[in-house]
Amino acid sequence: MEDNEHIVYMLKCNDNTLYTGYTNDLEHRLEMHNTGKGAKYTRGRGPFQVVFVEKLTTKEAALQKEYQIKQLTRKEKFQLIRDKLKEVMQYENTEKL
């Protein structure tokens, strides 16, 4: 694990709700969610689908991003997810050229 890896992520829960969180070790955090030892909100709501991941350079920036996302409406969160997916798809398309 890198010390400078700060990740904001969104999970789509089995009940179709969204959970937003921060971690510096996404793989470990997902394992915690899946075993019921993660956030209280996610207990009993698995299995989960990771729908958004953003890496930031500082913990402060990541926590600010997490807070900003949590202030969004459900509709705005899904728009953010779609925008990030478009960004990834564009990047992949340019890599193939």
PDB file of N, CA and C in Angstrom:
ATOM      1  N   MET A   1       0.830  -1.188   0.000  1.00  0.00           N
ATOM      2  CA  MET A   1       0.000   0.000   0.000  1.00  0.00           C
ATOM      3  C   MET A   1       0.873   1.249   0.000  1.00  0.00           C
ATOM      4  N   GLU A   2       0.519   2.201  -0.833  1.00  0.00           N
ATOM      5  CA  GLU A   2       1.250   3.461  -0.887  1.00  0.00           C
ATOM      6  C   GLU A   2       0.692   4.416   0.162  1.00  0.00           C
ATOM      7  N   ASP A   3       1.571   5.179   0.793  1.00  0.00           N
ATOM      8  CA  ASP A   3       1.124   6.140   1.791  1.00  0.00           C
ATOM      9  C   ASP A   3       0.331   7.277   1.162  1.00  0.00           C
ATOM     10  N   ASN A   4       0.568   7.537  -0.125  1.00  0.00           N
ATOM     11  CA  ASN A   4      -0.092   8.670  -0.758  1.00  0.00           C
ATOM     12  C   ASN A   4      -1.337   8.255  -1.555  1.00  0.00           C
ATOM     13  N   GLU A   5      -1.864   7.073  -1.288  1.00  0.00           N
ATOM     14  CA  GLU A   5      -3.058   6.631  -1.990  1.00  0.00           C
ATOM     15  C   GLU A   5      -4.278   6.876  -1.106  1.00  0.00           C
ATOM     16  N   HIS A   6      -5.084   7.840  -1.501  1.00  0.00           N
ATOM     17  CA  HIS A   6      -6.295   8.187  -0.761  1.00  0.00           C
ATOM     18  C   HIS A   6      -7.464   8.055  -1.733  1.00  0.00           C
ATOM     19  N   ILE A   7      -8.402   7.204  -1.382  1.00  0.00           N
ATOM     20  CA  ILE A   7      -9.452   6.816  -2.319  1.00  0.00           C
ATOM     21  C   ILE A   7     -10.838   7.133  -1.777  1.00  0.00           C
ATOM     22  N   VAL A   8     -11.640   7.757  -2.631  1.00  0.00           N
ATOM     23  CA  VAL A   8     -13.064   7.946  -2.360  1.00  0.00           C
ATOM     24  C   VAL A   8     -13.777   6.965  -3.280  1.00  0.00           C
ATOM     25  N   TYR A   9     -14.732   6.241  -2.726  1.00  0.00           N
ATOM     26  CA  TYR A   9     -15.412   5.226  -3.521  1.00  0.00           C
ATOM     27  C   TYR A   9     -16.915   5.240  -3.238  1.00  0.00           C
ATOM     28  N   MET A  10     -17.662   4.703  -4.182  1.00  0.00           N
ATOM     29  CA  MET A  10     -19.094   4.533  -4.011  1.00  0.00           C
ATOM     30  C   MET A  10     -19.441   3.082  -4.293  1.00  0.00           C
ATOM     31  N   LEU A  11     -20.277   2.529  -3.435  1.00  0.00           N
ATOM     32  CA  LEU A  11     -20.774   1.176  -3.613  1.00  0.00           C
ATOM     33  C   LEU A  11     -22.262   1.229  -3.913  1.00  0.00           C
ATOM     34  N   LYS A  12     -22.692   0.379  -4.812  1.00  0.00           N
ATOM     35  CA  LYS A  12     -24.122   0.172  -5.017  1.00  0.00           C
ATOM     36  C   LYS A  12     -24.454  -1.079  -4.219  1.00  0.00           C
ATOM     37  N   CYS A  13     -25.326  -0.926  -3.249  1.00  0.00           N
ATOM     38  CA  CYS A  13     -25.691  -2.036  -2.385  1.00  0.00           C
ATOM     39  C   CYS A  13     -26.752  -2.902  -3.062  1.00  0.00           C
ATOM     40  N   ASN A  14     -26.957  -4.097  -2.523  1.00  0.00           N
ATOM     41  CA  ASN A  14     -27.919  -5.038  -3.071  1.00  0.00           C
ATOM     42  C   ASN A  14     -29.345  -4.471  -3.063  1.00  0.00           C
ATOM     43  N   ASP A  15     -29.649  -3.569  -2.114  1.00  0.00           N
ATOM     44  CA  ASP A  15     -30.987  -2.955  -2.051  1.00  0.00           C
ATOM     45  C   ASP A  15     -31.080  -1.708  -2.929  1.00  0.00           C
ATOM     46  N   ASN A  16     -30.094  -1.526  -3.812  1.00  0.00           N
ATOM     47  CA  ASN A  16     -30.058  -0.431  -4.789  1.00  0.00           C
ATOM     48  C   ASN A  16     -29.762   0.932  -4.169  1.00  0.00           C
ATOM     49  N   THR A  17     -29.268   0.967  -2.941  1.00  0.00           N
ATOM     50  CA  THR A  17     -28.841   2.227  -2.339  1.00  0.00           C
ATOM     51  C   THR A  17     -27.364   2.428  -2.630  1.00  0.00           C
ATOM     52  N   LEU A  18     -26.893   3.644  -2.405  1.00  0.00           N
ATOM     53  CA  LEU A  18     -25.486   3.976  -2.633  1.00  0.00           C
ATOM     54  C   LEU A  18     -24.810   4.295  -1.305  1.00  0.00           C
ATOM     55  N   TYR A  19     -23.580   3.839  -1.164  1.00  0.00           N
ATOM     56  CA  TYR A  19     -22.765   4.155  -0.003  1.00  0.00           C
ATOM     57  C   TYR A  19     -21.480   4.809  -0.490  1.00  0.00           C
ATOM     58  N   THR A  20     -21.104   5.917   0.123  1.00  0.00           N
ATOM     59  CA  THR A  20     -19.869   6.623  -0.225  1.00  0.00           C
ATOM     60  C   THR A  20     -18.909   6.544   0.950  1.00  0.00           C
ATOM     61  N   GLY A  21     -17.649   6.235   0.666  1.00  0.00           N
ATOM     62  CA  GLY A  21     -16.673   6.130   1.732  1.00  0.00           C
ATOM     63  C   GLY A  21     -15.285   6.552   1.296  1.00  0.00           C
ATOM     64  N   TYR A  22     -14.386   6.605   2.274  1.00  0.00           N
ATOM     65  CA  TYR A  22     -12.984   6.954   2.067  1.00  0.00           C
ATOM     66  C   TYR A  22     -12.129   5.813   2.604  1.00  0.00           C
ATOM     67  N   THR A  23     -11.012   5.544   1.953  1.00  0.00           N
ATOM     68  CA  THR A  23     -10.053   4.560   2.443  1.00  0.00           C
ATOM     69  C   THR A  23      -8.677   4.843   1.859  1.00  0.00           C
ATOM     70  N   ASN A  24      -7.680   4.218   2.436  1.00  0.00           N
ATOM     71  CA  ASN A  24      -6.347   4.247   1.829  1.00  0.00           C
ATOM     72  C   ASN A  24      -5.956   2.839   1.373  1.00  0.00           C
ATOM     73  N   ASP A  25      -6.904   1.893   1.484  1.00  0.00           N
ATOM     74  CA  ASP A  25      -6.685   0.515   1.037  1.00  0.00           C
ATOM     75  C   ASP A  25      -8.037  -0.053   0.600  1.00  0.00           C
ATOM     76  N   LEU A  26      -8.368   0.151  -0.656  1.00  0.00           N
ATOM     77  CA  LEU A  26      -9.701  -0.200  -1.155  1.00  0.00           C
ATOM     78  C   LEU A  26      -9.976  -1.698  -1.066  1.00  0.00           C
ATOM     79  N   GLU A  27      -9.015  -2.507  -1.422  1.00  0.00           N
ATOM     80  CA  GLU A  27      -9.218  -3.957  -1.381  1.00  0.00           C
ATOM     81  C   GLU A  27      -9.580  -4.429   0.032  1.00  0.00           C
ATOM     82  N   HIS A  28      -8.842  -3.953   1.017  1.00  0.00           N
ATOM     83  CA  HIS A  28      -9.114  -4.319   2.414  1.00  0.00           C
ATOM     84  C   HIS A  28     -10.475  -3.786   2.860  1.00  0.00           C
ATOM     85  N   ARG A  29     -10.778  -2.575   2.465  1.00  0.00           N
ATOM     86  CA  ARG A  29     -12.056  -1.965   2.870  1.00  0.00           C
ATOM     87  C   ARG A  29     -13.232  -2.738   2.283  1.00  0.00           C
ATOM     88  N   LEU A  30     -13.126  -3.162   1.031  1.00  0.00           N
ATOM     89  CA  LEU A  30     -14.203  -3.938   0.408  1.00  0.00           C
ATOM     90  C   LEU A  30     -14.375  -5.279   1.117  1.00  0.00           C
ATOM     91  N   GLU A  31     -13.266  -5.882   1.518  1.00  0.00           N
ATOM     92  CA  GLU A  31     -13.326  -7.135   2.272  1.00  0.00           C
ATOM     93  C   GLU A  31     -14.070  -6.917   3.594  1.00  0.00           C
ATOM     94  N   MET A  32     -13.802  -5.793   4.234  1.00  0.00           N
ATOM     95  CA  MET A  32     -14.484  -5.466   5.490  1.00  0.00           C
ATOM     96  C   MET A  32     -15.991  -5.311   5.261  1.00  0.00           C
ATOM     97  N   HIS A  33     -16.364  -4.603   4.209  1.00  0.00           N
ATOM     98  CA  HIS A  33     -17.787  -4.446   3.892  1.00  0.00           C
ATOM     99  C   HIS A  33     -18.430  -5.808   3.632  1.00  0.00           C
ATOM    100  N   ASN A  34     -17.760  -6.632   2.848  1.00  0.00           N
ATOM    101  CA  ASN A  34     -18.324  -7.930   2.470  1.00  0.00           C
ATOM    102  C   ASN A  34     -18.466  -8.897   3.641  1.00  0.00           C
ATOM    103  N   THR A  35     -17.624  -8.749   4.665  1.00  0.00           N
ATOM    104  CA  THR A  35     -17.724  -9.630   5.828  1.00  0.00           C
ATOM    105  C   THR A  35     -18.581  -9.030   6.939  1.00  0.00           C
ATOM    106  N   GLY A  36     -19.203  -7.875   6.675  1.00  0.00           N
ATOM    107  CA  GLY A  36     -20.081  -7.260   7.673  1.00  0.00           C
ATOM    108  C   GLY A  36     -19.346  -6.485   8.743  1.00  0.00           C
ATOM    109  N   LYS A  37     -18.054  -6.235   8.532  1.00  0.00           N
ATOM    110  CA  LYS A  37     -17.262  -5.508   9.519  1.00  0.00           C
ATOM    111  C   LYS A  37     -16.925  -4.099   9.055  1.00  0.00           C
ATOM    112  N   GLY A  38     -17.528  -3.671   7.951  1.00  0.00           N
ATOM    113  CA  GLY A  38     -17.286  -2.324   7.431  1.00  0.00           C
ATOM    114  C   GLY A  38     -18.216  -1.339   8.117  1.00  0.00           C
ATOM    115  N   ALA A  39     -18.677  -0.382   7.384  1.00  0.00           N
ATOM    116  CA  ALA A  39     -19.572   0.636   7.923  1.00  0.00           C
ATOM    117  C   ALA A  39     -20.894   0.011   8.373  1.00  0.00           C
ATOM    118  N   LYS A  40     -21.456   0.555   9.418  1.00  0.00           N
ATOM    119  CA  LYS A  40     -22.730   0.055   9.935  1.00  0.00           C
ATOM    120  C   LYS A  40     -23.806   0.071   8.847  1.00  0.00           C
ATOM    121  N   TYR A  41     -23.795   1.103   8.007  1.00  0.00           N
ATOM    122  CA  TYR A  41     -24.792   1.236   6.951  1.00  0.00           C
ATOM    123  C   TYR A  41     -24.786   0.054   5.988  1.00  0.00           C
ATOM    124  N   THR A  42     -23.604  -0.475   5.696  1.00  0.00           N
ATOM    125  CA  THR A  42     -23.510  -1.516   4.669  1.00  0.00           C
ATOM    126  C   THR A  42     -23.798  -2.919   5.198  1.00  0.00           C
ATOM    127  N   ARG A  43     -23.875  -3.084   6.504  1.00  0.00           N
ATOM    128  CA  ARG A  43     -24.117  -4.420   7.058  1.00  0.00           C
ATOM    129  C   ARG A  43     -25.465  -4.947   6.597  1.00  0.00           C
ATOM    130  N   GLY A  44     -25.439  -6.138   6.011  1.00  0.00           N
ATOM    131  CA  GLY A  44     -26.672  -6.762   5.540  1.00  0.00           C
ATOM    132  C   GLY A  44     -27.161  -6.246   4.201  1.00  0.00           C
ATOM    133  N   ARG A  45     -26.403  -5.361   3.561  1.00  0.00           N
ATOM    134  CA  ARG A  45     -26.821  -4.794   2.283  1.00  0.00           C
ATOM    135  C   ARG A  45     -26.021  -5.333   1.108  1.00  0.00           C
ATOM    136  N   GLY A  46     -25.146  -6.300   1.341  1.00  0.00           N
ATOM    137  CA  GLY A  46     -24.327  -6.862   0.273  1.00  0.00           C
ATOM    138  C   GLY A  46     -25.113  -7.858  -0.546  1.00  0.00           C
ATOM    139  N   PRO A  47     -24.591  -8.326  -1.648  1.00  0.00           N
ATOM    140  CA  PRO A  47     -23.266  -8.010  -2.184  1.00  0.00           C
ATOM    141  C   PRO A  47     -23.227  -6.599  -2.774  1.00  0.00           C
ATOM    142  N   PHE A  48     -22.018  -6.092  -2.925  1.00  0.00           N
ATOM    143  CA  PHE A  48     -21.809  -4.721  -3.361  1.00  0.00           C
ATOM    144  C   PHE A  48     -21.187  -4.676  -4.748  1.00  0.00           C
ATOM    145  N   GLN A  49     -21.443  -3.581  -5.420  1.00  0.00           N
ATOM    146  CA  GLN A  49     -20.813  -3.322  -6.715  1.00  0.00           C
ATOM    147  C   GLN A  49     -20.103  -1.974  -6.598  1.00  0.00           C
ATOM    148  N   VAL A  50     -18.817  -1.950  -6.884  1.00  0.00           N
ATOM    149  CA  VAL A  50     -18.073  -0.693  -6.867  1.00  0.00           C
ATOM    150  C   VAL A  50     -18.467   0.075  -8.128  1.00  0.00           C
ATOM    151  N   VAL A  51     -19.039   1.274  -7.951  1.00  0.00           N
ATOM    152  CA  VAL A  51     -19.517   2.038  -9.098  1.00  0.00           C
ATOM    153  C   VAL A  51     -18.744   3.336  -9.323  1.00  0.00           C
ATOM    154  N   PHE A  52     -17.875   3.696  -8.372  1.00  0.00           N
ATOM    155  CA  PHE A  52     -17.116   4.943  -8.493  1.00  0.00           C
ATOM    156  C   PHE A  52     -15.857   4.821  -7.655  1.00  0.00           C
ATOM    157  N   VAL A  53     -14.726   5.194  -8.240  1.00  0.00           N
ATOM    158  CA  VAL A  53     -13.450   5.238  -7.520  1.00  0.00           C
ATOM    159  C   VAL A  53     -12.692   6.469  -7.997  1.00  0.00           C
ATOM    160  N   GLU A  54     -12.216   7.246  -7.047  1.00  0.00           N
ATOM    161  CA  GLU A  54     -11.371   8.393  -7.391  1.00  0.00           C
ATOM    162  C   GLU A  54     -10.200   8.431  -6.426  1.00  0.00           C
ATOM    163  N   LYS A  55      -8.992   8.461  -6.975  1.00  0.00           N
ATOM    164  CA  LYS A  55      -7.784   8.546  -6.153  1.00  0.00           C
ATOM    165  C   LYS A  55      -7.351   9.999  -6.054  1.00  0.00           C
ATOM    166  N   LEU A  56      -7.028  10.416  -4.837  1.00  0.00           N
ATOM    167  CA  LEU A  56      -6.566  11.775  -4.600  1.00  0.00           C
ATOM    168  C   LEU A  56      -5.216  11.733  -3.901  1.00  0.00           C
ATOM    169  N   THR A  57      -4.485  12.830  -3.972  1.00  0.00           N
ATOM    170  CA  THR A  57      -3.113  12.830  -3.458  1.00  0.00           C
ATOM    171  C   THR A  57      -3.016  13.063  -1.953  1.00  0.00           C
ATOM    172  N   THR A  58      -4.033  13.691  -1.346  1.00  0.00           N
ATOM    173  CA  THR A  58      -3.968  13.922   0.096  1.00  0.00           C
ATOM    174  C   THR A  58      -5.235  13.420   0.779  1.00  0.00           C
ATOM    175  N   LYS A  59      -5.093  13.082   2.041  1.00  0.00           N
ATOM    176  CA  LYS A  59      -6.247  12.633   2.827  1.00  0.00           C
ATOM    177  C   LYS A  59      -7.283  13.747   2.917  1.00  0.00           C
ATOM    178  N   GLU A  60      -6.807  14.967   3.103  1.00  0.00           N
ATOM    179  CA  GLU A  60      -7.716  16.110   3.222  1.00  0.00           C
ATOM    180  C   GLU A  60      -8.565  16.272   1.956  1.00  0.00           C
ATOM    181  N   ALA A  61      -7.925  16.170   0.795  1.00  0.00           N
ATOM    182  CA  ALA A  61      -8.656  16.294  -0.473  1.00  0.00           C
ATOM    183  C   ALA A  61      -9.671  15.168  -0.626  1.00  0.00           C
ATOM    184  N   ALA A  62      -9.288  13.965  -0.224  1.00  0.00           N
ATOM    185  CA  ALA A  62     -10.188  12.819  -0.324  1.00  0.00           C
ATOM    186  C   ALA A  62     -11.395  12.979   0.599  1.00  0.00           C
ATOM    187  N   LEU A  63     -11.147  13.430   1.817  1.00  0.00           N
ATOM    188  CA  LEU A  63     -12.253  13.622   2.760  1.00  0.00           C
ATOM    189  C   LEU A  63     -13.186  14.739   2.296  1.00  0.00           C
ATOM    190  N   GLN A  64     -12.625  15.782   1.691  1.00  0.00           N
ATOM    191  CA  GLN A  64     -13.456  16.845   1.137  1.00  0.00           C
ATOM    192  C   GLN A  64     -14.312  16.316  -0.015  1.00  0.00           C
ATOM    193  N   LYS A  65     -13.721  15.498  -0.865  1.00  0.00           N
ATOM    194  CA  LYS A  65     -14.457  14.912  -1.996  1.00  0.00           C
ATOM    195  C   LYS A  65     -15.568  14.000  -1.487  1.00  0.00           C
ATOM    196  N   GLU A  66     -15.260  13.200  -0.483  1.00  0.00           N
ATOM    197  CA  GLU A  66     -16.277  12.318   0.116  1.00  0.00           C
ATOM    198  C   GLU A  66     -17.451  13.152   0.633  1.00  0.00           C
ATOM    199  N   TYR A  67     -17.137  14.228   1.341  1.00  0.00           N
ATOM    200  CA  TYR A  67     -18.188  15.105   1.880  1.00  0.00           C
ATOM    201  C   TYR A  67     -19.019  15.708   0.750  1.00  0.00           C
ATOM    202  N   GLN A  68     -18.349  16.182  -0.302  1.00  0.00           N
ATOM    203  CA  GLN A  68     -19.063  16.770  -1.448  1.00  0.00           C
ATOM    204  C   GLN A  68     -20.017  15.766  -2.073  1.00  0.00           C
ATOM    205  N   ILE A  69     -19.561  14.545  -2.242  1.00  0.00           N
ATOM    206  CA  ILE A  69     -20.414  13.511  -2.838  1.00  0.00           C
ATOM    207  C   ILE A  69     -21.602  13.214  -1.938  1.00  0.00           C
ATOM    208  N   LYS A  70     -21.366  13.151  -0.640  1.00  0.00           N
ATOM    209  CA  LYS A  70     -22.457  12.848   0.294  1.00  0.00           C
ATOM    210  C   LYS A  70     -23.527  13.935   0.311  1.00  0.00           C
ATOM    211  N   GLN A  71     -23.179  15.133  -0.121  1.00  0.00           N
ATOM    212  CA  GLN A  71     -24.159  16.225  -0.169  1.00  0.00           C
ATOM    213  C   GLN A  71     -25.020  16.169  -1.432  1.00  0.00           C
ATOM    214  N   LEU A  72     -24.621  15.367  -2.407  1.00  0.00           N
ATOM    215  CA  LEU A  72     -25.355  15.278  -3.664  1.00  0.00           C
ATOM    216  C   LEU A  72     -26.651  14.481  -3.492  1.00  0.00           C
ATOM    217  N   THR A  73     -27.609  14.764  -4.362  1.00  0.00           N
ATOM    218  CA  THR A  73     -28.826  13.963  -4.396  1.00  0.00           C
ATOM    219  C   THR A  73     -28.500  12.625  -5.062  1.00  0.00           C
ATOM    220  N   ARG A  74     -29.391  11.681  -4.930  1.00  0.00           N
ATOM    221  CA  ARG A  74     -29.203  10.368  -5.571  1.00  0.00           C
ATOM    222  C   ARG A  74     -29.022  10.534  -7.077  1.00  0.00           C
ATOM    223  N   LYS A  75     -29.847  11.391  -7.674  1.00  0.00           N
ATOM    224  CA  LYS A  75     -29.771  11.637  -9.111  1.00  0.00           C
ATOM    225  C   LYS A  75     -28.402  12.212  -9.486  1.00  0.00           C
ATOM    226  N   GLU A  76     -27.915  13.158  -8.694  1.00  0.00           N
ATOM    227  CA  GLU A  76     -26.609  13.771  -8.961  1.00  0.00           C
ATOM    228  C   GLU A  76     -25.469  12.761  -8.793  1.00  0.00           C
ATOM    229  N   LYS A  77     -25.610  11.847  -7.833  1.00  0.00           N
ATOM    230  CA  LYS A  77     -24.588  10.811  -7.642  1.00  0.00           C
ATOM    231  C   LYS A  77     -24.520   9.904  -8.864  1.00  0.00           C
ATOM    232  N   PHE A  78     -25.679   9.510  -9.394  1.00  0.00           N
ATOM    233  CA  PHE A  78     -25.673   8.664 -10.589  1.00  0.00           C
ATOM    234  C   PHE A  78     -25.105   9.413 -11.790  1.00  0.00           C
ATOM    235  N   GLN A  79     -25.322  10.729 -11.858  1.00  0.00           N
ATOM    236  CA  GLN A  79     -24.730  11.524 -12.939  1.00  0.00           C
ATOM    237  C   GLN A  79     -23.207  11.548 -12.792  1.00  0.00           C
ATOM    238  N   LEU A  80     -22.719  11.685 -11.580  1.00  0.00           N
ATOM    239  CA  LEU A  80     -21.283  11.652 -11.309  1.00  0.00           C
ATOM    240  C   LEU A  80     -20.682  10.306 -11.748  1.00  0.00           C
ATOM    241  N   ILE A  81     -21.388   9.229 -11.445  1.00  0.00           N
ATOM    242  CA  ILE A  81     -20.941   7.891 -11.850  1.00  0.00           C
ATOM    243  C   ILE A  81     -20.881   7.789 -13.372  1.00  0.00           C
ATOM    244  N   ARG A  82     -21.922   8.278 -14.054  1.00  0.00           N
ATOM    245  CA  ARG A  82     -21.948   8.242 -15.522  1.00  0.00           C
ATOM    246  C   ARG A  82     -20.808   9.079 -16.106  1.00  0.00           C
ATOM    247  N   ASP A  83     -20.582  10.261 -15.542  1.00  0.00           N
ATOM    248  CA  ASP A  83     -19.508  11.132 -16.028  1.00  0.00           C
ATOM    249  C   ASP A  83     -18.146  10.449 -15.874  1.00  0.00           C
ATOM    250  N   LYS A  84     -17.922   9.792 -14.751  1.00  0.00           N
ATOM    251  CA  LYS A  84     -16.647   9.103 -14.508  1.00  0.00           C
ATOM    252  C   LYS A  84     -16.488   7.944 -15.488  1.00  0.00           C
ATOM    253  N   LEU A  85     -17.576   7.228 -15.752  1.00  0.00           N
ATOM    254  CA  LEU A  85     -17.528   6.120 -16.710  1.00  0.00           C
ATOM    255  C   LEU A  85     -17.190   6.626 -18.106  1.00  0.00           C
ATOM    256  N   LYS A  86     -17.777   7.749 -18.519  1.00  0.00           N
ATOM    257  CA  LYS A  86     -17.463   8.339 -19.823  1.00  0.00           C
ATOM    258  C   LYS A  86     -15.983   8.698 -19.904  1.00  0.00           C
ATOM    259  N   GLU A  87     -15.474   9.260 -18.815  1.00  0.00           N
ATOM    260  CA  GLU A  87     -14.060   9.651 -18.746  1.00  0.00           C
ATOM    261  C   GLU A  87     -13.164   8.426 -18.925  1.00  0.00           C
ATOM    262  N   VAL A  88     -13.498   7.342 -18.265  1.00  0.00           N
ATOM    263  CA  VAL A  88     -12.723   6.104 -18.366  1.00  0.00           C
ATOM    264  C   VAL A  88     -12.804   5.545 -19.781  1.00  0.00           C
ATOM    265  N   MET A  89     -13.992   5.548 -20.357  1.00  0.00           N
ATOM    266  CA  MET A  89     -14.171   5.013 -21.711  1.00  0.00           C
ATOM    267  C   MET A  89     -13.378   5.838 -22.726  1.00  0.00           C
ATOM    268  N   GLN A  90     -13.375   7.160 -22.582  1.00  0.00           N
ATOM    269  CA  GLN A  90     -12.619   8.008 -23.484  1.00  0.00           C
ATOM    270  C   GLN A  90     -11.136   7.728 -23.365  1.00  0.00           C
ATOM    271  N   TYR A  91     -10.670   7.541 -22.131  1.00  0.00           N
ATOM    272  CA  TYR A  91      -9.266   7.242 -21.898  1.00  0.00           C
ATOM    273  C   TYR A  91      -8.885   5.918 -22.554  1.00  0.00           C
ATOM    274  N   GLU A  92      -9.729   4.903 -22.373  1.00  0.00           N
ATOM    275  CA  GLU A  92      -9.454   3.597 -22.976  1.00  0.00           C
ATOM    276  C   GLU A  92      -9.443   3.676 -24.488  1.00  0.00           C
ATOM    277  N   ASN A  93     -10.333   4.461 -25.075  1.00  0.00           N
ATOM    278  CA  ASN A  93     -10.379   4.608 -26.528  1.00  0.00           C
ATOM    279  C   ASN A  93      -9.127   5.295 -27.060  1.00  0.00           C
ATOM    280  N   THR A  94      -8.614   6.287 -26.366  1.00  0.00           N
ATOM    281  CA  THR A  94      -7.402   6.961 -26.819  1.00  0.00           C
ATOM    282  C   THR A  94      -6.178   6.085 -26.658  1.00  0.00           C
ATOM    283  N   GLU A  95      -6.196   5.169 -25.675  1.00  0.00           N
ATOM    284  CA  GLU A  95      -5.078   4.248 -25.477  1.00  0.00           C
ATOM    285  C   GLU A  95      -4.957   3.265 -26.636  1.00  0.00           C
ATOM    286  N   LYS A  96      -6.076   2.935 -27.276  1.00  0.00           N
ATOM    287  CA  LYS A  96      -6.080   1.964 -28.366  1.00  0.00           C
ATOM    288  C   LYS A  96      -5.558   2.556 -29.664  1.00  0.00           C
ATOM    289  N   LEU A  97      -5.539   3.898 -29.764  1.00  0.00           N
ATOM    290  CA  LEU A  97      -5.105   4.550 -31.015  1.00  0.00           C
ATOM    291  C   LEU A  97      -3.623   4.435 -31.239  1.00  0.00           C
TER     292      LEU A  97
END
